Amino acid sequence: MAYGKALVVATEHNASDDYLLLVEGQLSVLVRDTSVRSLRSKLRDLQPGECFAESKLIEHSKLMPSLVAAENSVLLRITRSNFFA
């Protein structure tokens, strides 16, 4: 899947159980500021070859930060059923 710069890939509210692999581009990992709900702080950037949400997929974790495309990006999205097939 392709995402243009500044497009939201996932938020803590719409997170799926998919495994995400960044193929091209850069993603910013943002966490919610607990004191001001509307603020997000940048935790880190993901570079090509890095994956995201593997712990959520394996451990059924409910905690997931937001992902925003820092530049035009391409992701490989693998569903839970395909991951474990």
Protein backbone atom coordinates (compact mmCIF):
# COMPACT_ATOMS: atom_id res chain seq x y z
CA MET A 1 0.00 0.00 0.00
CA ALA A 2 1.22 3.49 -0.82
CA TYR A 3 0.84 6.48 1.50
CA GLY A 4 1.58 10.09 0.60
CA LYS A 5 3.54 12.37 2.88
CA ALA A 6 1.65 13.31 6.08
CA LEU A 7 -1.06 10.67 5.58
CA VAL A 8 -2.03 8.71 8.67
CA VAL A 9 -1.28 5.00 8.34
CA ALA A 10 -2.74 3.96 11.71
CA THR A 11 -3.84 5.45 15.00
CA GLU A 12 -4.44 3.94 18.39
CA HIS A 13 -8.16 4.12 17.55
CA ASN A 14 -8.13 2.34 14.18
CA ALA A 15 -5.24 -0.05 14.63
CA SER A 16 -5.71 -3.44 13.05
CA ASP A 17 -3.98 -6.73 13.81
CA ASP A 18 -1.89 -6.41 10.66
CA TYR A 19 1.88 -6.75 10.50
CA LEU A 20 3.42 -3.78 8.69
CA LEU A 21 6.75 -3.79 6.87
CA LEU A 22 8.08 -0.49 5.54
CA VAL A 23 9.35 -1.12 2.01
CA GLU A 24 10.10 2.44 0.95
CA GLY A 25 9.99 5.89 2.56
CA GLN A 26 9.86 6.86 6.22
CA LEU A 27 7.19 6.63 8.93
CA SER A 28 6.98 8.62 12.14
CA VAL A 29 5.86 6.74 15.24
CA LEU A 30 3.81 9.09 17.41
CA VAL A 31 2.56 8.54 20.95
CA ARG A 32 -0.27 10.37 22.63
CA ASP A 33 0.65 12.86 25.32
CA THR A 34 -1.18 11.67 28.42
CA SER A 35 -1.58 15.20 29.78
CA VAL A 36 -3.07 16.69 26.59
CA ARG A 37 -5.05 14.15 24.54
CA SER A 38 -4.79 16.04 21.26
CA LEU A 39 -0.97 16.25 21.32
CA ARG A 40 1.31 13.61 19.86
CA SER A 41 5.04 13.28 20.52
CA LYS A 42 7.40 11.67 18.05
CA LEU A 43 8.87 8.48 19.48
CA ARG A 44 11.05 7.55 16.50
CA ASP A 45 11.18 7.17 12.74
CA LEU A 46 10.96 3.86 10.90
CA GLN A 47 13.24 3.29 7.92
CA PRO A 48 12.85 0.84 5.00
CA GLY A 49 13.16 -2.76 6.16
CA GLU A 50 11.76 -2.06 9.63
CA CYS A 51 8.51 -3.61 10.77
CA PHE A 52 5.75 -2.45 13.05
CA ALA A 53 3.02 -4.05 15.15
CA GLU A 54 4.68 -7.45 15.45
CA SER A 55 4.14 -7.46 19.24
CA LYS A 56 0.50 -6.47 18.76
CA LEU A 57 0.07 -9.31 16.30
CA ILE A 58 1.73 -11.98 18.43
CA GLU A 59 0.74 -10.88 21.94
CA HIS A 60 -2.71 -9.42 21.16
CA SER A 61 -1.56 -6.15 22.71
CA LYS A 62 -4.07 -3.30 22.62
CA LEU A 63 -1.43 -0.58 22.85
CA MET A 64 -0.45 0.92 19.51
CA PRO A 65 0.98 4.34 18.75
CA SER A 66 0.03 6.31 15.66
CA LEU A 67 1.93 6.02 12.38
CA VAL A 68 2.22 8.91 9.95
CA ALA A 69 4.07 8.92 6.63
CA ALA A 70 7.01 11.32 7.07
CA GLU A 71 7.50 11.09 3.30
CA ASN A 72 5.89 9.15 0.47
CA SER A 73 5.99 5.57 1.68
CA VAL A 74 5.15 2.03 0.60
CA LEU A 75 4.16 -0.62 3.13
CA LEU A 76 3.59 -4.33 2.95
CA ARG A 77 0.57 -5.14 5.12
CA ILE A 78 0.17 -8.78 6.20
CA THR A 79 -3.04 -9.81 7.92
CA ARG A 80 -3.00 -11.93 11.08
CA SER A 81 -4.42 -14.96 9.25
CA ASN A 82 -1.79 -14.79 6.50
CA PHE A 83 1.02 -14.17 8.99
CA PHE A 84 0.26 -17.39 10.84
CA ALA A 85 -0.61 -19.44 7.71
